[in-house]
């Protein structure tokens, strides 16, 4: 499986790795200072196989490289982030330290 950003469609896509068919996506809206994940969808034939988790992890890793915080309005992304505290720092709603801290 491979995850790629498709900016033209405003979504991260995961492909099956064989024929390159898209088997899921995480839709987003990118703003100047953050990225909002709005919806995640996995092909029913791939549900329950960890595809959604793999997709979200790769998408969040890419967002981290860009230095952007995330606002997870998608319930799947939000619950995934809650289960993975090592990604909590990406949450836009998390307290931020300031230069005076």
C-alpha atoms as a PDB file:
ATOM      1  CA  UNK A   1       0.000   0.000   0.000  1.00  0.00           C
ATOM      2  CA  UNK A   2       1.088   3.534  -0.718  1.00  0.00           C
ATOM      3  CA  UNK A   3      -0.187   6.865   0.620  1.00  0.00           C
ATOM      4  CA  UNK A   4       0.084  10.038  -1.428  1.00  0.00           C
ATOM      5  CA  UNK A   5      -1.168  13.574  -1.152  1.00  0.00           C
ATOM      6  CA  UNK A   6      -3.498  14.554  -3.993  1.00  0.00           C
ATOM      7  CA  UNK A   7      -3.671  18.361  -3.591  1.00  0.00           C
ATOM      8  CA  UNK A   8      -5.902  18.765  -6.660  1.00  0.00           C
ATOM      9  CA  UNK A   9      -8.583  16.740  -4.832  1.00  0.00           C
ATOM     10  CA  UNK A  10      -7.649  18.019  -1.341  1.00  0.00           C
ATOM     11  CA  UNK A  11      -7.132  14.557   0.033  1.00  0.00           C
ATOM     12  CA  UNK A  12      -4.586  11.945   0.957  1.00  0.00           C
ATOM     13  CA  UNK A  13      -5.173   8.702  -0.900  1.00  0.00           C
ATOM     14  CA  UNK A  14      -4.100   5.155  -0.130  1.00  0.00           C
ATOM     15  CA  UNK A  15      -3.672   2.727  -2.995  1.00  0.00           C
ATOM     16  CA  UNK A  16      -3.659  -1.046  -2.997  1.00  0.00           C
ATOM     17  CA  UNK A  17      -0.059  -1.194  -4.174  1.00  0.00           C
ATOM     18  CA  UNK A  18      -0.842  -3.670  -6.956  1.00  0.00           C
ATOM     19  CA  UNK A  19      -2.783  -1.856  -9.650  1.00  0.00           C
ATOM     20  CA  UNK A  20      -2.593   1.502  -7.936  1.00  0.00           C
ATOM     21  CA  UNK A  21      -6.339   1.568  -7.296  1.00  0.00           C
ATOM     22  CA  UNK A  22      -7.441   4.057  -4.636  1.00  0.00           C
ATOM     23  CA  UNK A  23      -8.892   2.096  -1.723  1.00  0.00           C
ATOM     24  CA  UNK A  24      -9.370   4.988   0.685  1.00  0.00           C
ATOM     25  CA  UNK A  25      -8.894   8.671   1.290  1.00  0.00           C
ATOM     26  CA  UNK A  26      -8.683  11.314   3.991  1.00  0.00           C
ATOM     27  CA  UNK A  27     -10.197  14.585   2.775  1.00  0.00           C
ATOM     28  CA  UNK A  28      -8.834  17.873   4.058  1.00  0.00           C
ATOM     29  CA  UNK A  29      -9.104  21.626   3.787  1.00  0.00           C
ATOM     30  CA  UNK A  30      -5.785  23.390   3.917  1.00  0.00           C
ATOM     31  CA  UNK A  31      -5.584  26.893   5.328  1.00  0.00           C
ATOM     32  CA  UNK A  32      -2.586  29.138   5.774  1.00  0.00           C
ATOM     33  CA  UNK A  33      -1.917  28.053   9.358  1.00  0.00           C
ATOM     34  CA  UNK A  34      -3.515  24.624   9.673  1.00  0.00           C
ATOM     35  CA  UNK A  35      -5.034  21.657   7.904  1.00  0.00           C
ATOM     36  CA  UNK A  36      -8.553  20.437   8.716  1.00  0.00           C
ATOM     37  CA  UNK A  37      -9.281  16.743   8.185  1.00  0.00           C
ATOM     38  CA  UNK A  38     -12.976  16.562   7.330  1.00  0.00           C
ATOM     39  CA  UNK A  39     -13.721  12.995   6.229  1.00  0.00           C
ATOM     40  CA  UNK A  40     -12.067   9.603   5.898  1.00  0.00           C
ATOM     41  CA  UNK A  41     -13.404   6.794   3.764  1.00  0.00           C
ATOM     42  CA  UNK A  42     -12.115   3.259   3.157  1.00  0.00           C
ATOM     43  CA  UNK A  43     -13.417   0.882   0.510  1.00  0.00           C
ATOM     44  CA  UNK A  44     -15.723  -1.628   2.276  1.00  0.00           C
ATOM     45  CA  UNK A  45     -13.630  -4.576   1.043  1.00  0.00           C
ATOM     46  CA  UNK A  46     -10.609  -3.162   2.906  1.00  0.00           C
ATOM     47  CA  UNK A  47     -12.308  -2.191   6.178  1.00  0.00           C
ATOM     48  CA  UNK A  48     -10.978  -3.815   9.339  1.00  0.00           C
ATOM     49  CA  UNK A  49      -7.527  -4.410   7.848  1.00  0.00           C
ATOM     50  CA  UNK A  50      -5.714  -1.393   9.264  1.00  0.00           C
ATOM     51  CA  UNK A  51      -5.946   0.609   6.055  1.00  0.00           C
ATOM     52  CA  UNK A  52      -7.514   3.639   7.739  1.00  0.00           C
ATOM     53  CA  UNK A  53      -4.830   3.694  10.416  1.00  0.00           C
ATOM     54  CA  UNK A  54      -2.061   3.419   7.853  1.00  0.00           C
ATOM     55  CA  UNK A  55      -3.620   6.250   5.839  1.00  0.00           C
ATOM     56  CA  UNK A  56      -4.030   8.589   8.804  1.00  0.00           C
ATOM     57  CA  UNK A  57      -0.543   7.910  10.163  1.00  0.00           C
ATOM     58  CA  UNK A  58       1.082   8.668   6.791  1.00  0.00           C
ATOM     59  CA  UNK A  59      -1.053  11.789   6.279  1.00  0.00           C
ATOM     60  CA  UNK A  60      -0.228  13.131   9.745  1.00  0.00           C
ATOM     61  CA  UNK A  61       3.462  12.366   9.256  1.00  0.00           C
ATOM     62  CA  UNK A  62       3.379  14.428   6.063  1.00  0.00           C
ATOM     63  CA  UNK A  63       1.545  17.288   7.769  1.00  0.00           C
ATOM     64  CA  UNK A  64       4.130  17.214  10.556  1.00  0.00           C
ATOM     65  CA  UNK A  65       6.919  17.590   7.985  1.00  0.00           C
ATOM     66  CA  UNK A  66       5.094  20.684   6.696  1.00  0.00           C
ATOM     67  CA  UNK A  67       5.006  22.132  10.219  1.00  0.00           C
ATOM     68  CA  UNK A  68       1.229  22.541  10.258  1.00  0.00           C
ATOM     69  CA  UNK A  69      -1.170  21.794  13.116  1.00  0.00           C
ATOM     70  CA  UNK A  70      -4.263  19.665  12.482  1.00  0.00           C
ATOM     71  CA  UNK A  71      -7.902  20.260  13.304  1.00  0.00           C
ATOM     72  CA  UNK A  72      -9.493  16.783  13.166  1.00  0.00           C
ATOM     73  CA  UNK A  73     -13.202  17.313  12.519  1.00  0.00           C
ATOM     74  CA  UNK A  74     -13.386  13.818  11.021  1.00  0.00           C
ATOM     75  CA  UNK A  75     -14.377  11.436  13.848  1.00  0.00           C
ATOM     76  CA  UNK A  76     -11.985   8.727  12.626  1.00  0.00           C
ATOM     77  CA  UNK A  77      -8.962  11.049  12.536  1.00  0.00           C
ATOM     78  CA  UNK A  78      -9.912  12.530  15.901  1.00  0.00           C
ATOM     79  CA  UNK A  79     -10.248   9.144  17.609  1.00  0.00           C
ATOM     80  CA  UNK A  80      -7.038   7.895  15.961  1.00  0.00           C
ATOM     81  CA  UNK A  81      -5.135  10.889  17.328  1.00  0.00           C
ATOM     82  CA  UNK A  82      -6.588  10.283  20.802  1.00  0.00           C
ATOM     83  CA  UNK A  83      -5.357   6.673  20.690  1.00  0.00           C
ATOM     84  CA  UNK A  84      -1.870   7.791  19.580  1.00  0.00           C
ATOM     85  CA  UNK A  85      -0.608  10.387  22.069  1.00  0.00           C
ATOM     86  CA  UNK A  86       2.619  10.810  20.101  1.00  0.00           C
ATOM     87  CA  UNK A  87       0.505  12.782  17.606  1.00  0.00           C
ATOM     88  CA  UNK A  88      -1.245  14.970  20.218  1.00  0.00           C
ATOM     89  CA  UNK A  89       1.162  17.832  19.547  1.00  0.00           C
ATOM     90  CA  UNK A  90      -0.314  18.163  16.046  1.00  0.00           C
ATOM     91  CA  UNK A  91      -3.805  18.941  17.370  1.00  0.00           C
ATOM     92  CA  UNK A  92      -4.583  22.594  16.678  1.00  0.00           C
ATOM     93  CA  UNK A  93      -6.568  22.744  19.929  1.00  0.00           C
ATOM     94  CA  UNK A  94      -3.593  21.615  22.024  1.00  0.00           C
ATOM     95  CA  UNK A  95      -1.952  24.261  24.199  1.00  0.00           C
ATOM     96  CA  UNK A  96       1.044  25.829  22.507  1.00  0.00           C
ATOM     97  CA  UNK A  97       4.132  27.008  24.270  1.00  0.00           C
ATOM     98  CA  UNK A  98       5.137  30.567  23.607  1.00  0.00           C
ATOM     99  CA  UNK A  99       8.520  32.224  23.433  1.00  0.00           C
ATOM    100  CA  UNK A 100       8.025  33.510  26.981  1.00  0.00           C
ATOM    101  CA  UNK A 101       7.376  30.044  28.489  1.00  0.00           C
END
